[in-house]
C-alpha atoms as a PDB file:
ATOM      1  CA  MET A   1     135.371 107.607  80.585  1.00  0.00           C
ATOM      2  CA  LYS A   2     133.534 104.374  81.068  1.00  0.00           C
ATOM      3  CA  ARG A   3     129.808 104.675  81.059  1.00  0.00           C
ATOM      4  CA  PRO A   4     127.943 102.557  83.465  1.00  0.00           C
ATOM      5  CA  ILE A   5     124.950 100.432  82.848  1.00  0.00           C
ATOM      6  CA  LEU A   6     122.681 100.126  85.966  1.00  0.00           C
ATOM      7  CA  LEU A   7     120.435  97.233  86.640  1.00  0.00           C
ATOM      8  CA  LEU A   8     118.509  98.319  89.744  1.00  0.00           C
ATOM      9  CA  ASP A   9     116.770  95.755  91.905  1.00  0.00           C
ATOM     10  CA  MET A  10     113.325  97.149  93.197  1.00  0.00           C
ATOM     11  CA  ASP A  11     112.580  95.557  96.612  1.00  0.00           C
ATOM     12  CA  GLY A  12     114.944  96.759  99.242  1.00  0.00           C
ATOM     13  CA  VAL A  13     116.746  99.242  96.876  1.00  0.00           C
ATOM     14  CA  LEU A  14     114.072 101.435  95.427  1.00  0.00           C
ATOM     15  CA  VAL A  15     111.330 100.584  97.569  1.00  0.00           C
ATOM     16  CA  LYS A  16     111.047  99.596 101.261  1.00  0.00           C
ATOM     17  CA  ASP A  17     107.944  97.608 101.544  1.00  0.00           C
ATOM     18  CA  LYS A  18     105.409  95.280  99.592  1.00  0.00           C
ATOM     19  CA  ALA A  19     103.280  98.243  99.137  1.00  0.00           C
ATOM     20  CA  LEU A  20     105.988  99.752  96.880  1.00  0.00           C
ATOM     21  CA  ASN A  21     106.594 102.721  99.173  1.00  0.00           C
ATOM     22  CA  PRO A  22     109.837 104.414  97.962  1.00  0.00           C
ATOM     23  CA  PHE A  23     112.819 105.249 100.149  1.00  0.00           C
ATOM     24  CA  PRO A  24     113.254 108.909 100.932  1.00  0.00           C
ATOM     25  CA  ASP A  25     115.851 109.312  98.280  1.00  0.00           C
ATOM     26  CA  THR A  26     114.319 107.136  95.514  1.00  0.00           C
ATOM     27  CA  VAL A  27     112.847 109.773  93.229  1.00  0.00           C
ATOM     28  CA  GLU A  28     116.008 112.139  93.756  1.00  0.00           C
ATOM     29  CA  PHE A  29     118.307 109.284  92.544  1.00  0.00           C
ATOM     30  CA  LEU A  30     116.339 108.351  89.485  1.00  0.00           C
ATOM     31  CA  LYS A  31     116.337 112.019  88.574  1.00  0.00           C
ATOM     32  CA  GLY A  32     119.998 112.204  89.158  1.00  0.00           C
ATOM     33  CA  ILE A  33     120.941 109.353  86.987  1.00  0.00           C
ATOM     34  CA  ARG A  34     118.738 110.365  84.252  1.00  0.00           C
ATOM     35  CA  ASN A  35     120.457 113.800  84.453  1.00  0.00           C
ATOM     36  CA  LEU A  36     123.835 111.968  84.035  1.00  0.00           C
ATOM     37  CA  GLY A  37     122.629 110.203  81.030  1.00  0.00           C
ATOM     38  CA  VAL A  38     123.230 106.744  82.739  1.00  0.00           C
ATOM     39  CA  SER A  39     121.417 103.871  81.195  1.00  0.00           C
ATOM     40  CA  PHE A  40     119.324 101.889  83.581  1.00  0.00           C
ATOM     41  CA  ARG A  41     116.558  99.443  84.069  1.00  0.00           C
ATOM     42  CA  VAL A  42     114.617  98.392  87.107  1.00  0.00           C
ATOM     43  CA  VAL A  43     114.995  94.707  87.378  1.00  0.00           C
ATOM     44  CA  SER A  44     112.649  92.710  89.626  1.00  0.00           C
ATOM     45  CA  ASN A  45     112.010  89.000  90.722  1.00  0.00           C
ATOM     46  CA  ASN A  46     108.434  89.971  91.668  1.00  0.00           C
ATOM     47  CA  SER A  47     106.192  87.002  91.193  1.00  0.00           C
ATOM     48  CA  THR A  48     103.026  88.448  92.776  1.00  0.00           C
ATOM     49  CA  LYS A  49     101.790  90.887  89.959  1.00  0.00           C
ATOM     50  CA  PRO A  50     101.911  91.500  86.246  1.00  0.00           C
ATOM     51  CA  PRO A  51     104.635  93.913  85.104  1.00  0.00           C
ATOM     52  CA  LYS A  52     102.055  96.660  83.999  1.00  0.00           C
ATOM     53  CA  TRP A  53     100.442  96.487  87.424  1.00  0.00           C
ATOM     54  CA  ILE A  54     103.730  97.028  89.148  1.00  0.00           C
ATOM     55  CA  ILE A  55     104.603  99.926  86.699  1.00  0.00           C
ATOM     56  CA  GLU A  56     101.246 101.719  87.503  1.00  0.00           C
ATOM     57  CA  GLU A  57     101.531 101.254  91.215  1.00  0.00           C
ATOM     58  CA  LEU A  58     105.115 102.750  91.191  1.00  0.00           C
ATOM     59  CA  ARG A  59     103.848 105.564  89.221  1.00  0.00           C
ATOM     60  CA  GLU A  60     101.275 106.106  91.936  1.00  0.00           C
ATOM     61  CA  LYS A  61     103.957 106.251  94.528  1.00  0.00           C
ATOM     62  CA  GLY A  62     105.911 108.880  92.556  1.00  0.00           C
ATOM     63  CA  ILE A  63     108.314 106.565  90.737  1.00  0.00           C
ATOM     64  CA  ASP A  64     107.694 107.076  87.055  1.00  0.00           C
ATOM     65  CA  LEU A  65     109.120 104.269  84.660  1.00  0.00           C
ATOM     66  CA  ALA A  66     108.465 103.610  81.100  1.00  0.00           C
ATOM     67  CA  GLU A  67     107.537 100.062  80.257  1.00  0.00           C
ATOM     68  CA  ASP A  68     110.727  99.335  78.858  1.00  0.00           C
ATOM     69  CA  GLU A  69     112.477 100.584  82.045  1.00  0.00           C
ATOM     70  CA  PHE A  70     111.055  97.603  84.020  1.00  0.00           C
ATOM     71  CA  VAL A  71     111.875  93.989  83.728  1.00  0.00           C
ATOM     72  CA  SER A  72     110.031  91.024  85.477  1.00  0.00           C
ATOM     73  CA  PRO A  73     110.491  87.193  85.184  1.00  0.00           C
ATOM     74  CA  LEU A  74     106.827  86.914  84.234  1.00  0.00           C
ATOM     75  CA  SER A  75     107.394  87.745  80.493  1.00  0.00           C
ATOM     76  CA  ILE A  76     110.442  85.394  80.367  1.00  0.00           C
ATOM     77  CA  LEU A  77     107.920  82.622  81.952  1.00  0.00           C
ATOM     78  CA  ILE A  78     105.524  83.193  79.039  1.00  0.00           C
ATOM     79  CA  GLU A  79     108.213  82.567  76.516  1.00  0.00           C
ATOM     80  CA  TYR A  80     109.513  79.558  78.377  1.00  0.00           C
ATOM     81  CA  LEU A  81     106.145  77.864  78.807  1.00  0.00           C
ATOM     82  CA  ARG A  82     105.470  78.210  75.065  1.00  0.00           C
ATOM     83  CA  GLU A  83     108.864  77.052  73.883  1.00  0.00           C
ATOM     84  CA  LYS A  84     108.547  73.829  76.100  1.00  0.00           C
ATOM     85  CA  GLY A  85     104.987  73.366  74.915  1.00  0.00           C
ATOM     86  CA  LEU A  86     103.650  73.464  78.484  1.00  0.00           C
ATOM     87  CA  LYS A  87      99.825  74.407  78.495  1.00  0.00           C
ATOM     88  CA  ARG A  88      97.866  72.867  81.405  1.00  0.00           C
ATOM     89  CA  LEU A  89      99.432  74.210  84.606  1.00  0.00           C
ATOM     90  CA  PHE A  90      98.868  73.925  88.352  1.00  0.00           C
ATOM     91  CA  PHE A  91      99.729  77.341  89.911  1.00  0.00           C
ATOM     92  CA  ILE A  92     101.011  78.319  93.356  1.00  0.00           C
ATOM     93  CA  GLY A  93     100.894  82.095  93.401  1.00  0.00           C
ATOM     94  CA  MET A  94      98.681  85.100  93.638  1.00  0.00           C
ATOM     95  CA  PRO A  95      95.355  85.548  91.705  1.00  0.00           C
ATOM     96  CA  ALA A  96      96.784  88.399  89.603  1.00  0.00           C
ATOM     97  CA  VAL A  97      99.401  86.157  88.167  1.00  0.00           C
ATOM     98  CA  GLU A  98      96.929  83.507  87.644  1.00  0.00           C
ATOM     99  CA  ASP A  99      94.680  85.786  85.646  1.00  0.00           C
ATOM    100  CA  TYR A 100      97.890  86.939  83.740  1.00  0.00           C
ATOM    101  CA  LEU A 101      98.719  83.389  82.577  1.00  0.00           C
ATOM    102  CA  LYS A 102      95.084  82.779  81.478  1.00  0.00           C
ATOM    103  CA  SER A 103      95.384  85.894  79.376  1.00  0.00           C
ATOM    104  CA  PHE A 104      98.106  84.263  77.467  1.00  0.00           C
ATOM    105  CA  GLY A 105      95.966  81.099  76.773  1.00  0.00           C
ATOM    106  CA  PHE A 106      97.284  78.855  79.563  1.00  0.00           C
ATOM    107  CA  GLU A 107      94.846  76.421  81.065  1.00  0.00           C
ATOM    108  CA  LEU A 108      94.896  76.797  84.925  1.00  0.00           C
ATOM    109  CA  ALA A 109      93.858  73.332  86.608  1.00  0.00           C
ATOM    110  CA  GLU A 110      92.866  72.566  90.158  1.00  0.00           C
ATOM    111  CA  ASP A 111      94.133  68.986  90.076  1.00  0.00           C
ATOM    112  CA  HIS A 112      97.485  67.014  89.605  1.00  0.00           C
ATOM    113  CA  ARG A 113      97.018  66.136  85.967  1.00  0.00           C
ATOM    114  CA  VAL A 114      98.970  68.875  84.489  1.00  0.00           C
ATOM    115  CA  ASP A 115     101.997  69.554  82.262  1.00  0.00           C
ATOM    116  CA  ALA A 116     103.836  71.679  84.722  1.00  0.00           C
ATOM    117  CA  VAL A 117     103.624  73.155  88.262  1.00  0.00           C
ATOM    118  CA  VAL A 118     104.373  76.850  88.174  1.00  0.00           C
ATOM    119  CA  ILE A 119     105.474  78.428  91.481  1.00  0.00           C
ATOM    120  CA  GLY A 120     105.448  82.058  92.538  1.00  0.00           C
ATOM    121  CA  GLN A 121     105.099  83.924  95.844  1.00  0.00           C
ATOM    122  CA  ASP A 122     101.887  82.718  97.470  1.00  0.00           C
ATOM    123  CA  ARG A 123     100.617  84.441 100.686  1.00  0.00           C
ATOM    124  CA  ASN A 124      97.825  81.883 100.693  1.00  0.00           C
ATOM    125  CA  ILE A 125      99.759  78.765 100.347  1.00  0.00           C
ATOM    126  CA  ASP A 126      98.274  75.756 102.191  1.00  0.00           C
ATOM    127  CA  PHE A 127      98.417  72.070 102.546  1.00  0.00           C
ATOM    128  CA  LYS A 128      96.035  71.522  99.601  1.00  0.00           C
ATOM    129  CA  LYS A 129      98.372  73.287  97.140  1.00  0.00           C
ATOM    130  CA  LEU A 130     101.373  71.586  98.295  1.00  0.00           C
ATOM    131  CA  LYS A 131      99.754  68.149  98.030  1.00  0.00           C
ATOM    132  CA  ILE A 132      98.352  68.786  94.553  1.00  0.00           C
ATOM    133  CA  ALA A 133     101.780  70.253  93.512  1.00  0.00           C
ATOM    134  CA  THR A 134     103.740  67.405  94.915  1.00  0.00           C
ATOM    135  CA  SER A 135     101.392  64.903  93.289  1.00  0.00           C
ATOM    136  CA  ALA A 136     101.508  66.433  89.857  1.00  0.00           C
ATOM    137  CA  VAL A 137     105.291  66.007  90.006  1.00  0.00           C
ATOM    138  CA  PHE A 138     105.313  62.622  91.567  1.00  0.00           C
ATOM    139  CA  LEU A 139     102.413  61.042  89.697  1.00  0.00           C
ATOM    140  CA  SER A 140     102.071  62.895  86.512  1.00  0.00           C
ATOM    141  CA  ASN A 141     105.799  63.754  85.798  1.00  0.00           C
ATOM    142  CA  ALA A 142     104.851  67.488  85.617  1.00  0.00           C
ATOM    143  CA  LYS A 143     107.739  69.818  85.016  1.00  0.00           C
ATOM    144  CA  LEU A 144     108.586  72.011  88.106  1.00  0.00           C
ATOM    145  CA  ILE A 145     108.922  75.687  87.243  1.00  0.00           C
ATOM    146  CA  PRO A 146     109.754  78.191  89.952  1.00  0.00           C
ATOM    147  CA  ILE A 147     109.042  81.919  88.545  1.00  0.00           C
ATOM    148  CA  ASN A 148     112.312  82.887  90.321  1.00  0.00           C
ATOM    149  CA  LEU A 149     114.826  81.076  92.635  1.00  0.00           C
ATOM    150  CA  SER A 150     114.506  83.431  95.612  1.00  0.00           C
ATOM    151  CA  ARG A 151     115.556  81.833  98.682  1.00  0.00           C
ATOM    152  CA  ILE A 152     114.023  84.025 101.406  1.00  0.00           C
ATOM    153  CA  VAL A 153     111.713  87.075 101.349  1.00  0.00           C
ATOM    154  CA  LYS A 154     111.550  89.903 103.943  1.00  0.00           C
ATOM    155  CA  ASP A 155     108.090  90.810 104.811  1.00  0.00           C
ATOM    156  CA  ASP A 156     106.882  94.418 105.867  1.00  0.00           C
ATOM    157  CA  ASP A 157     106.765  93.352 109.754  1.00  0.00           C
ATOM    158  CA  GLY A 158     110.585  92.433 109.529  1.00  0.00           C
ATOM    159  CA  LEU A 159     109.987  88.636 109.618  1.00  0.00           C
ATOM    160  CA  TYR A 160     110.963  86.268 106.762  1.00  0.00           C
ATOM    161  CA  PHE A 161     109.449  83.592 104.624  1.00  0.00           C
ATOM    162  CA  PRO A 162     110.621  81.049 102.046  1.00  0.00           C
ATOM    163  CA  GLY A 163     110.949  82.306  98.506  1.00  0.00           C
ATOM    164  CA  ALA A 164     109.475  80.803  95.381  1.00  0.00           C
ATOM    165  CA  GLY A 165     112.709  78.948  94.766  1.00  0.00           C
ATOM    166  CA  SER A 166     112.960  77.405  98.130  1.00  0.00           C
ATOM    167  CA  VAL A 167     109.297  76.090  97.924  1.00  0.00           C
ATOM    168  CA  ALA A 168     110.231  74.632  94.573  1.00  0.00           C
ATOM    169  CA  ILE A 169     113.300  72.992  95.978  1.00  0.00           C
ATOM    170  CA  ALA A 170     111.404  71.455  98.599  1.00  0.00           C
ATOM    171  CA  ILE A 171     109.030  69.798  96.172  1.00  0.00           C
ATOM    172  CA  ALA A 172     111.887  68.732  94.092  1.00  0.00           C
ATOM    173  CA  HIS A 173     113.624  67.069  97.037  1.00  0.00           C
ATOM    174  CA  ALA A 174     110.322  65.367  98.139  1.00  0.00           C
ATOM    175  CA  CYS A 175     109.790  63.898  94.577  1.00  0.00           C
ATOM    176  CA  ASN A 176     113.481  63.190  93.899  1.00  0.00           C
ATOM    177  CA  TYR A 177     113.100  65.426  90.788  1.00  0.00           C
ATOM    178  CA  GLY A 178     115.691  64.522  88.477  1.00  0.00           C
ATOM    179  CA  GLU A 179     115.879  67.787  86.296  1.00  0.00           C
ATOM    180  CA  SER A 180     117.592  71.086  87.143  1.00  0.00           C
ATOM    181  CA  LEU A 181     115.161  73.772  88.096  1.00  0.00           C
ATOM    182  CA  PRO A 182     115.050  76.568  85.383  1.00  0.00           C
ATOM    183  CA  ASN A 183     115.930  80.170  86.707  1.00  0.00           C
ATOM    184  CA  LEU A 184     113.687  82.536  84.966  1.00  0.00           C
ATOM    185  CA  GLY A 185     114.453  85.431  87.427  1.00  0.00           C
ATOM    186  CA  LYS A 186     117.729  87.410  87.989  1.00  0.00           C
ATOM    187  CA  PRO A 187     120.609  86.946  87.612  1.00  0.00           C
ATOM    188  CA  SER A 188     120.073  84.100  85.145  1.00  0.00           C
ATOM    189  CA  LYS A 189     121.490  84.281  81.494  1.00  0.00           C
ATOM    190  CA  ASP A 190     118.054  84.577  79.888  1.00  0.00           C
ATOM    191  CA  TYR A 191     116.856  87.286  82.342  1.00  0.00           C
ATOM    192  CA  MET A 192     120.043  89.320  82.155  1.00  0.00           C
ATOM    193  CA  GLU A 193     120.192  89.197  78.334  1.00  0.00           C
ATOM    194  CA  HIS A 194     116.466  90.377  78.308  1.00  0.00           C
ATOM    195  CA  ALA A 195     117.206  93.152  80.585  1.00  0.00           C
ATOM    196  CA  LEU A 196     120.229  94.450  78.786  1.00  0.00           C
ATOM    197  CA  LYS A 197     118.688  94.597  75.386  1.00  0.00           C
ATOM    198  CA  GLY A 198     119.122  97.871  73.761  1.00  0.00           C
ATOM    199  CA  MET A 199     121.239  99.454  76.637  1.00  0.00           C
ATOM    200  CA  VAL A 200     124.315 101.555  75.931  1.00  0.00           C
ATOM    201  CA  GLY A 201     127.376 101.610  78.047  1.00  0.00           C
ATOM    202  CA  ASP A 202     130.753 100.132  79.018  1.00  0.00           C
ATOM    203  CA  VAL A 203     130.551  98.400  82.470  1.00  0.00           C
ATOM    204  CA  ILE A 204     127.439  96.732  83.903  1.00  0.00           C
ATOM    205  CA  TYR A 205     126.474  96.852  87.467  1.00  0.00           C
ATOM    206  CA  LEU A 206     123.798  95.096  89.267  1.00  0.00           C
ATOM    207  CA  VAL A 207     122.567  97.000  92.412  1.00  0.00           C
ATOM    208  CA  SER A 208     120.746  94.853  94.907  1.00  0.00           C
ATOM    209  CA  ASP A 209     120.034  94.032  98.611  1.00  0.00           C
ATOM    210  CA  ASP A 210     120.471  90.284  97.905  1.00  0.00           C
ATOM    211  CA  LEU A 211     123.776  88.780  98.319  1.00  0.00           C
ATOM    212  CA  TYR A 212     122.831  85.169  97.523  1.00  0.00           C
ATOM    213  CA  THR A 213     120.303  85.219  94.778  1.00  0.00           C
ATOM    214  CA  ASP A 214     121.440  88.296  92.857  1.00  0.00           C
ATOM    215  CA  LEU A 215     124.989  89.346  93.521  1.00  0.00           C
ATOM    216  CA  MET A 216     126.820  86.011  93.724  1.00  0.00           C
ATOM    217  CA  GLY A 217     125.167  85.104  90.381  1.00  0.00           C
ATOM    218  CA  ALA A 218     126.040  88.498  88.986  1.00  0.00           C
ATOM    219  CA  ARG A 219     129.824  88.081  90.004  1.00  0.00           C
ATOM    220  CA  ASP A 220     129.969  84.643  88.034  1.00  0.00           C
ATOM    221  CA  MET A 221     128.660  86.468  85.025  1.00  0.00           C
ATOM    222  CA  GLY A 222     131.469  89.138  85.072  1.00  0.00           C
ATOM    223  CA  ILE A 223     128.871  91.941  86.376  1.00  0.00           C
ATOM    224  CA  LYS A 224     129.922  94.396  88.821  1.00  0.00           C
ATOM    225  CA  THR A 225     128.109  93.955  92.155  1.00  0.00           C
ATOM    226  CA  VAL A 226     126.532  96.745  94.374  1.00  0.00           C
ATOM    227  CA  PHE A 227     125.347  95.792  97.658  1.00  0.00           C
ATOM    228  CA  MET A 228     122.680  97.858  99.163  1.00  0.00           C
ATOM    229  CA  THR A 229     122.138  97.566 103.072  1.00  0.00           C
ATOM    230  CA  THR A 230     118.712  99.104 102.781  1.00  0.00           C
ATOM    231  CA  GLY A 231     116.902  95.761 102.185  1.00  0.00           C
ATOM    232  CA  LYS A 232     116.826  92.256 103.612  1.00  0.00           C
ATOM    233  CA  TYR A 233     120.545  91.925 104.637  1.00  0.00           C
ATOM    234  CA  GLY A 234     122.659  94.213 106.742  1.00  0.00           C
ATOM    235  CA  GLU A 235     126.531  94.685 106.004  1.00  0.00           C
ATOM    236  CA  GLU A 236     127.224  91.961 108.547  1.00  0.00           C
ATOM    237  CA  GLU A 237     125.936  89.499 106.176  1.00  0.00           C
ATOM    238  CA  THR A 238     128.955  89.832 103.919  1.00  0.00           C
ATOM    239  CA  GLU A 239     131.013  88.182 106.809  1.00  0.00           C
ATOM    240  CA  LYS A 240     128.499  85.327 107.161  1.00  0.00           C
ATOM    241  CA  SER A 241     128.416  84.782 103.316  1.00  0.00           C
ATOM    242  CA  GLY A 242     132.193  85.087 102.738  1.00  0.00           C
ATOM    243  CA  PHE A 243     131.067  87.192  99.563  1.00  0.00           C
ATOM    244  CA  ARG A 244     132.753  90.534  99.056  1.00  0.00           C
ATOM    245  CA  PRO A 245     130.644  92.760  96.745  1.00  0.00           C
ATOM    246  CA  ASP A 246     132.551  95.289  94.516  1.00  0.00           C
ATOM    247  CA  PHE A 247     130.754  98.189  96.244  1.00  0.00           C
ATOM    248  CA  THR A 248     128.406  98.616  99.354  1.00  0.00           C
ATOM    249  CA  PHE A 249     126.276 101.530  99.984  1.00  0.00           C
ATOM    250  CA  HIS A 250     124.014 102.329 102.846  1.00  0.00           C
ATOM    251  CA  ASN A 251     121.466 104.473 100.820  1.00  0.00           C
ATOM    252  CA  LEU A 252     120.859 105.694  97.211  1.00  0.00           C
ATOM    253  CA  ARG A 253     122.525 109.230  97.949  1.00  0.00           C
ATOM    254  CA  GLU A 254     125.868 107.451  98.459  1.00  0.00           C
ATOM    255  CA  LEU A 255     125.501 105.409  95.264  1.00  0.00           C
ATOM    256  CA  LEU A 256     124.549 108.890  93.262  1.00  0.00           C
ATOM    257  CA  ASP A 257     127.556 110.485  94.766  1.00  0.00           C
ATOM    258  CA  TYR A 258     129.695 107.786  93.480  1.00  0.00           C
ATOM    259  CA  LEU A 259     128.000 107.764  89.916  1.00  0.00           C
ATOM    260  CA  ASN A 260     128.547 111.543  89.888  1.00  0.00           C
ATOM    261  CA  LYS A 261     132.078 111.116  90.484  1.00  0.00           C
ATOM    262  CA  ALA A 262     132.452 108.080  87.960  1.00  0.00           C
ATOM    263  CA  VAL A 263     130.524 109.796  85.038  1.00  0.00           C
ATOM    264  CA  LEU A 264     131.847 113.318  85.302  1.00  0.00           C
ATOM    265  CA  SER A 265     135.434 112.551  86.270  1.00  0.00           C
END
């Protein structure tokens, strides 16, 4: 019997909106995989809140996770900035993450004379921020660092907006930026190695609603791909993308039924 290792996307898989409200079967699903003894972590590309904030908010919604059961690109970001010696930053993103960066000793500037431009999801992005970020890269040779490479994000009203990766790529194009953009979010090698530390099992599955950012990358790393149609893309998107995930499920109950058969068989 091969034991599964589950990496569970948060948005669109466990929670249905930006307020982190769980799907009706989320709590039952987590209880079920715990009872099966399945090793799992919740993996998120969330770039709007520090990890501890998210864990606390999930707990308030009835999703009880230990700190080591949740992985965010923000912890990888801190390591990356320190390794590269980047201290003075211009940040596009939410205030909570700005405070998070400051708490680790980084200087957050309001002008273009910086070491790096760090880009997360920003619901208050405006012309001024884009101008300073572009000038920092073009005039000051600042490094361009998206917290994740997400292409598109579904909002609670059902409409969509560009992800942090798309904003970074736009600035890179404008500046003829000569370097590859780092990928600090899933499913990059650094992120996945961080997420899999200490996990026990035989076969790794990434469960996600994102065919493009998550599942295509996971396939290239030899990870089994599980597409959930509960998030930003419906099943018809597999036809548009030409990508065939290993498994497709329409809710977490279906996935739990599969795991019950796989583990107990």
